[in-house]
PDB file of N, CA and C in Angstrom:
ATOM      1  N   MET A   1      28.257  74.965  39.111  1.00  0.00           N
ATOM      2  CA  MET A   1      28.339  74.426  40.423  1.00  0.00           C
ATOM      3  C   MET A   1      29.564  74.810  41.251  1.00  0.00           C
ATOM      4  N   PRO A   2      29.261  75.096  42.449  1.00  0.00           N
ATOM      5  CA  PRO A   2      30.538  75.539  43.355  1.00  0.00           C
ATOM      6  C   PRO A   2      31.514  74.571  43.636  1.00  0.00           C
ATOM      7  N   LYS A   3      32.642  74.971  44.034  1.00  0.00           N
ATOM      8  CA  LYS A   3      33.699  73.926  44.369  1.00  0.00           C
ATOM      9  C   LYS A   3      33.404  73.241  45.758  1.00  0.00           C
ATOM     10  N   MET A   4      33.752  71.984  45.757  1.00  0.00           N
ATOM     11  CA  MET A   4      33.575  71.309  47.063  1.00  0.00           C
ATOM     12  C   MET A   4      34.521  71.705  48.254  1.00  0.00           C
ATOM     13  N   LYS A   5      34.014  72.037  49.317  1.00  0.00           N
ATOM     14  CA  LYS A   5      34.968  72.495  50.362  1.00  0.00           C
ATOM     15  C   LYS A   5      35.358  71.366  51.280  1.00  0.00           C
ATOM     16  N   THR A   6      36.499  71.498  51.746  1.00  0.00           N
ATOM     17  CA  THR A   6      37.102  70.415  52.581  1.00  0.00           C
ATOM     18  C   THR A   6      36.543  70.390  53.960  1.00  0.00           C
ATOM     19  N   HIS A   7      36.283  69.350  54.596  1.00  0.00           N
ATOM     20  CA  HIS A   7      35.442  69.430  56.029  1.00  0.00           C
ATOM     21  C   HIS A   7      36.686  69.915  56.941  1.00  0.00           C
ATOM     22  N   SER A   8      36.547  71.059  57.725  1.00  0.00           N
ATOM     23  CA  SER A   8      37.599  71.565  58.570  1.00  0.00           C
ATOM     24  C   SER A   8      37.993  70.622  59.709  1.00  0.00           C
ATOM     25  N   GLY A   9      37.039  70.033  60.208  1.00  0.00           N
ATOM     26  CA  GLY A   9      37.466  69.015  61.369  1.00  0.00           C
ATOM     27  C   GLY A   9      38.154  67.752  60.841  1.00  0.00           C
ATOM     28  N   ALA A  10      38.020  67.219  59.597  1.00  0.00           N
ATOM     29  CA  ALA A  10      38.524  66.107  59.026  1.00  0.00           C
ATOM     30  C   ALA A  10      40.195  66.431  58.770  1.00  0.00           C
ATOM     31  N   LYS A  11      40.166  67.702  58.291  1.00  0.00           N
ATOM     32  CA  LYS A  11      41.596  68.067  57.893  1.00  0.00           C
ATOM     33  C   LYS A  11      42.587  68.039  58.909  1.00  0.00           C
ATOM     34  N   LYS A  12      42.080  68.359  60.146  1.00  0.00           N
ATOM     35  CA  LYS A  12      42.820  68.428  61.312  1.00  0.00           C
ATOM     36  C   LYS A  12      43.197  67.116  61.923  1.00  0.00           C
ATOM     37  N   ARG A  13      42.320  66.104  61.704  1.00  0.00           N
ATOM     38  CA  ARG A  13      42.397  64.690  62.198  1.00  0.00           C
ATOM     39  C   ARG A  13      42.937  63.709  61.533  1.00  0.00           C
ATOM     40  N   PHE A  14      42.981  63.795  60.101  1.00  0.00           N
ATOM     41  CA  PHE A  14      43.339  62.715  59.258  1.00  0.00           C
ATOM     42  C   PHE A  14      44.319  63.040  58.265  1.00  0.00           C
ATOM     43  N   ARG A  15      45.167  62.119  57.852  1.00  0.00           N
ATOM     44  CA  ARG A  15      46.107  62.443  56.807  1.00  0.00           C
ATOM     45  C   ARG A  15      46.107  61.255  55.676  1.00  0.00           C
ATOM     46  N   LEU A  16      46.317  61.379  54.524  1.00  0.00           N
ATOM     47  CA  LEU A  16      46.400  60.429  53.555  1.00  0.00           C
ATOM     48  C   LEU A  16      47.769  60.012  53.322  1.00  0.00           C
ATOM     49  N   THR A  17      48.084  58.626  53.276  1.00  0.00           N
ATOM     50  CA  THR A  17      49.368  58.219  52.793  1.00  0.00           C
ATOM     51  C   THR A  17      49.448  58.272  51.201  1.00  0.00           C
ATOM     52  N   GLY A  18      50.615  57.974  50.890  1.00  0.00           N
ATOM     53  CA  GLY A  18      50.733  57.934  49.348  1.00  0.00           C
ATOM     54  C   GLY A  18      49.895  57.020  48.672  1.00  0.00           C
ATOM     55  N   SER A  19      49.726  55.792  49.300  1.00  0.00           N
ATOM     56  CA  SER A  19      48.905  54.928  48.582  1.00  0.00           C
ATOM     57  C   SER A  19      47.304  55.145  48.683  1.00  0.00           C
ATOM     58  N   GLY A  20      46.995  56.297  49.528  1.00  0.00           N
ATOM     59  CA  GLY A  20      45.572  56.580  49.509  1.00  0.00           C
ATOM     60  C   GLY A  20      45.017  56.161  50.834  1.00  0.00           C
ATOM     61  N   LYS A  21      45.734  55.351  51.702  1.00  0.00           N
ATOM     62  CA  LYS A  21      45.026  54.997  53.142  1.00  0.00           C
ATOM     63  C   LYS A  21      44.958  56.256  53.970  1.00  0.00           C
ATOM     64  N   VAL A  22      43.972  56.145  54.952  1.00  0.00           N
ATOM     65  CA  VAL A  22      43.779  57.310  55.771  1.00  0.00           C
ATOM     66  C   VAL A  22      44.319  56.987  57.120  1.00  0.00           C
ATOM     67  N   ARG A  23      45.264  57.771  57.724  1.00  0.00           N
ATOM     68  CA  ARG A  23      45.854  57.555  59.010  1.00  0.00           C
ATOM     69  C   ARG A  23      45.282  58.652  59.974  1.00  0.00           C
ATOM     70  N   PHE A  24      45.220  58.295  61.142  1.00  0.00           N
ATOM     71  CA  PHE A  24      44.876  58.922  62.286  1.00  0.00           C
ATOM     72  C   PHE A  24      45.518  58.981  63.491  1.00  0.00           C
ATOM     73  N   LYS A  25      45.496  59.779  64.473  1.00  0.00           N
ATOM     74  CA  LYS A  25      46.090  59.530  65.672  1.00  0.00           C
ATOM     75  C   LYS A  25      45.132  58.979  66.713  1.00  0.00           C
ATOM     76  N   HIS A  26      45.791  58.053  67.399  1.00  0.00           N
ATOM     77  CA  HIS A  26      44.919  57.439  68.575  1.00  0.00           C
ATOM     78  C   HIS A  26      44.476  58.276  69.699  1.00  0.00           C
ATOM     79  N   ALA A  27      43.577  57.951  70.281  1.00  0.00           N
ATOM     80  CA  ALA A  27      42.933  58.715  71.389  1.00  0.00           C
ATOM     81  C   ALA A  27      43.543  58.085  72.628  1.00  0.00           C
ATOM     82  N   LYS A  28      43.115  58.673  73.874  1.00  0.00           N
ATOM     83  CA  LYS A  28      43.639  58.499  75.275  1.00  0.00           C
ATOM     84  C   LYS A  28      45.224  58.699  75.320  1.00  0.00           C
ATOM     85  N   MET A  29      45.754  59.721  74.613  1.00  0.00           N
ATOM     86  CA  MET A  29      47.185  60.005  74.687  1.00  0.00           C
ATOM     87  C   MET A  29      47.362  61.413  74.987  1.00  0.00           C
ATOM     88  N   ARG A  30      46.260  62.098  75.657  1.00  0.00           N
ATOM     89  CA  ARG A  30      46.298  63.578  76.029  1.00  0.00           C
ATOM     90  C   ARG A  30      46.858  63.692  77.568  1.00  0.00           C
ATOM     91  N   HIS A  31      46.029  62.932  78.359  1.00  0.00           N
ATOM     92  CA  HIS A  31      46.375  63.001  79.895  1.00  0.00           C
ATOM     93  C   HIS A  31      45.973  61.868  80.592  1.00  0.00           C
ATOM     94  N   ILE A  32      46.147  61.868  81.875  1.00  0.00           N
ATOM     95  CA  ILE A  32      45.858  60.669  82.762  1.00  0.00           C
ATOM     96  C   ILE A  32      46.315  59.360  82.059  1.00  0.00           C
ATOM     97  N   GLN A  33      47.630  59.253  81.880  1.00  0.00           N
ATOM     98  CA  GLN A  33      48.093  58.132  81.299  1.00  0.00           C
ATOM     99  C   GLN A  33      48.771  57.148  82.543  1.00  0.00           C
ATOM    100  N   GLU A  34      48.670  57.510  83.687  1.00  0.00           N
ATOM    101  CA  GLU A  34      49.136  56.637  84.766  1.00  0.00           C
ATOM    102  C   GLU A  34      48.609  55.357  84.784  1.00  0.00           C
ATOM    103  N   LYS A  35      47.330  55.248  84.504  1.00  0.00           N
ATOM    104  CA  LYS A  35      46.602  53.964  84.539  1.00  0.00           C
ATOM    105  C   LYS A  35      46.889  52.965  83.348  1.00  0.00           C
ATOM    106  N   LEU A  36      47.429  53.633  82.231  1.00  0.00           N
ATOM    107  CA  LEU A  36      47.803  52.804  80.970  1.00  0.00           C
ATOM    108  C   LEU A  36      49.125  52.229  81.177  1.00  0.00           C
ATOM    109  N   SER A  37      49.213  50.865  80.758  1.00  0.00           N
ATOM    110  CA  SER A  37      50.424  50.100  80.800  1.00  0.00           C
ATOM    111  C   SER A  37      51.474  50.805  79.717  1.00  0.00           C
ATOM    112  N   LYS A  38      52.618  50.496  79.901  1.00  0.00           N
ATOM    113  CA  LYS A  38      53.638  51.101  78.907  1.00  0.00           C
ATOM    114  C   LYS A  38      53.492  50.405  77.492  1.00  0.00           C
ATOM    115  N   LYS A  39      53.077  49.022  77.625  1.00  0.00           N
ATOM    116  CA  LYS A  39      52.581  48.423  76.265  1.00  0.00           C
ATOM    117  C   LYS A  39      51.681  49.240  75.522  1.00  0.00           C
ATOM    118  N   THR A  40      50.782  49.725  76.306  1.00  0.00           N
ATOM    119  CA  THR A  40      49.432  50.169  75.608  1.00  0.00           C
ATOM    120  C   THR A  40      49.764  51.650  75.051  1.00  0.00           C
ATOM    121  N   LYS A  41      50.694  52.500  76.022  1.00  0.00           N
ATOM    122  CA  LYS A  41      51.064  53.794  75.536  1.00  0.00           C
ATOM    123  C   LYS A  41      51.998  53.759  74.261  1.00  0.00           C
ATOM    124  N   ARG A  42      52.823  52.619  74.295  1.00  0.00           N
ATOM    125  CA  ARG A  42      53.658  52.635  73.098  1.00  0.00           C
ATOM    126  C   ARG A  42      52.846  52.253  71.812  1.00  0.00           C
ATOM    127  N   ARG A  43      51.842  51.376  72.104  1.00  0.00           N
ATOM    128  CA  ARG A  43      50.997  51.007  70.825  1.00  0.00           C
ATOM    129  C   ARG A  43      50.125  52.230  70.473  1.00  0.00           C
ATOM    130  N   LEU A  44      49.657  53.090  71.240  1.00  0.00           N
ATOM    131  CA  LEU A  44      48.907  54.133  70.918  1.00  0.00           C
ATOM    132  C   LEU A  44      49.647  55.322  70.289  1.00  0.00           C
ATOM    133  N   ARG A  45      50.889  55.421  70.393  1.00  0.00           N
ATOM    134  CA  ARG A  45      51.939  56.359  69.857  1.00  0.00           C
ATOM    135  C   ARG A  45      51.832  56.210  68.367  1.00  0.00           C
ATOM    136  N   GLN A  46      51.773  55.157  67.764  1.00  0.00           N
ATOM    137  CA  GLN A  46      51.813  54.849  66.426  1.00  0.00           C
ATOM    138  C   GLN A  46      50.415  55.352  65.683  1.00  0.00           C
ATOM    139  N   PRO A  47      50.537  55.943  64.446  1.00  0.00           N
ATOM    140  CA  PRO A  47      49.367  56.174  63.903  1.00  0.00           C
ATOM    141  C   PRO A  47      48.630  55.102  63.542  1.00  0.00           C
ATOM    142  N   GLY A  48      47.156  55.135  63.581  1.00  0.00           N
ATOM    143  CA  GLY A  48      46.293  54.135  63.157  1.00  0.00           C
ATOM    144  C   GLY A  48      45.974  54.246  61.676  1.00  0.00           C
ATOM    145  N   VAL A  49      45.492  53.167  60.993  1.00  0.00           N
ATOM    146  CA  VAL A  49      45.069  53.436  59.709  1.00  0.00           C
ATOM    147  C   VAL A  49      43.572  52.809  59.697  1.00  0.00           C
ATOM    148  N   LEU A  50      42.780  53.677  59.157  1.00  0.00           N
ATOM    149  CA  LEU A  50      41.398  53.411  58.992  1.00  0.00           C
ATOM    150  C   LEU A  50      40.796  52.255  58.259  1.00  0.00           C
ATOM    151  N   ALA A  51      40.002  51.700  58.566  1.00  0.00           N
ATOM    152  CA  ALA A  51      39.295  50.557  57.728  1.00  0.00           C
ATOM    153  C   ALA A  51      38.720  51.285  56.417  1.00  0.00           C
ATOM    154  N   GLU A  52      38.739  50.428  55.340  1.00  0.00           N
ATOM    155  CA  GLU A  52      38.387  50.859  54.079  1.00  0.00           C
ATOM    156  C   GLU A  52      36.986  51.580  54.050  1.00  0.00           C
ATOM    157  N   VAL A  53      36.065  50.700  54.710  1.00  0.00           N
ATOM    158  CA  VAL A  53      34.701  51.358  54.876  1.00  0.00           C
ATOM    159  C   VAL A  53      34.495  52.761  55.316  1.00  0.00           C
ATOM    160  N   ASP A  54      35.233  53.154  56.417  1.00  0.00           N
ATOM    161  CA  ASP A  54      35.328  54.335  56.920  1.00  0.00           C
ATOM    162  C   ASP A  54      36.000  55.266  56.243  1.00  0.00           C
ATOM    163  N   ALA A  55      37.275  54.814  55.679  1.00  0.00           N
ATOM    164  CA  ALA A  55      38.060  55.813  54.814  1.00  0.00           C
ATOM    165  C   ALA A  55      37.372  56.397  53.643  1.00  0.00           C
ATOM    166  N   LYS A  56      36.383  55.624  53.056  1.00  0.00           N
ATOM    167  CA  LYS A  56      35.756  56.260  51.939  1.00  0.00           C
ATOM    168  C   LYS A  56      35.128  57.510  52.407  1.00  0.00           C
ATOM    169  N   HIS A  57      34.378  57.681  53.463  1.00  0.00           N
ATOM    170  CA  HIS A  57      33.723  58.794  53.845  1.00  0.00           C
ATOM    171  C   HIS A  57      34.816  59.773  54.199  1.00  0.00           C
ATOM    172  N   ILE A  58      35.844  59.530  54.847  1.00  0.00           N
ATOM    173  CA  ILE A  58      36.935  60.575  55.148  1.00  0.00           C
ATOM    174  C   ILE A  58      37.565  61.126  53.863  1.00  0.00           C
ATOM    175  N   ARG A  59      37.798  60.337  53.016  1.00  0.00           N
ATOM    176  CA  ARG A  59      38.438  60.864  51.780  1.00  0.00           C
ATOM    177  C   ARG A  59      37.517  61.823  50.834  1.00  0.00           C
ATOM    178  N   ARG A  60      36.310  61.572  50.949  1.00  0.00           N
ATOM    179  CA  ARG A  60      35.248  62.404  50.484  1.00  0.00           C
ATOM    180  C   ARG A  60      35.407  63.727  51.122  1.00  0.00           C
ATOM    181  N   GLN A  61      35.445  63.805  52.601  1.00  0.00           N
ATOM    182  CA  GLN A  61      35.418  65.011  53.291  1.00  0.00           C
ATOM    183  C   GLN A  61      36.674  65.821  53.048  1.00  0.00           C
ATOM    184  N   LEU A  62      37.855  64.960  52.653  1.00  0.00           N
ATOM    185  CA  LEU A  62      38.989  65.675  52.390  1.00  0.00           C
ATOM    186  C   LEU A  62      39.241  66.312  50.871  1.00  0.00           C
ATOM    187  N   GLY A  63      38.206  65.862  50.376  1.00  0.00           N
ATOM    188  CA  GLY A  63      38.125  66.309  48.726  1.00  0.00           C
ATOM    189  C   GLY A  63      38.865  65.379  47.850  1.00  0.00           C
ATOM    190  N   LYS A  64      39.283  64.247  48.338  1.00  0.00           N
ATOM    191  CA  LYS A  64      40.094  63.354  47.578  1.00  0.00           C
ATOM    192  C   LYS A  64      39.159  62.318  46.780  1.00  0.00           C
ATOM    193  N   GLY A  65      38.084  62.310  46.538  1.00  0.00           N
ATOM    194  CA  GLY A  65      37.091  61.417  45.850  1.00  0.00           C
ATOM    195  C   GLY A  65      36.534  60.639  46.751  1.00  0.00           C
TER     196      GLY A  65
END
């Protein structure tokens, strides 16, 4: 049986923490930020953590079970 390949799109968008949680970068931070409040922009700068239900699928795509 061949090796399982890592999903190229997933490896660019997600990172695993030491405890196995899946981190991601929030959307809406590329351009047109004039309309966003400072509070919103501050909050979006922090990496998000995926819900465990979704994290299962991403971990499989990253080849980590």
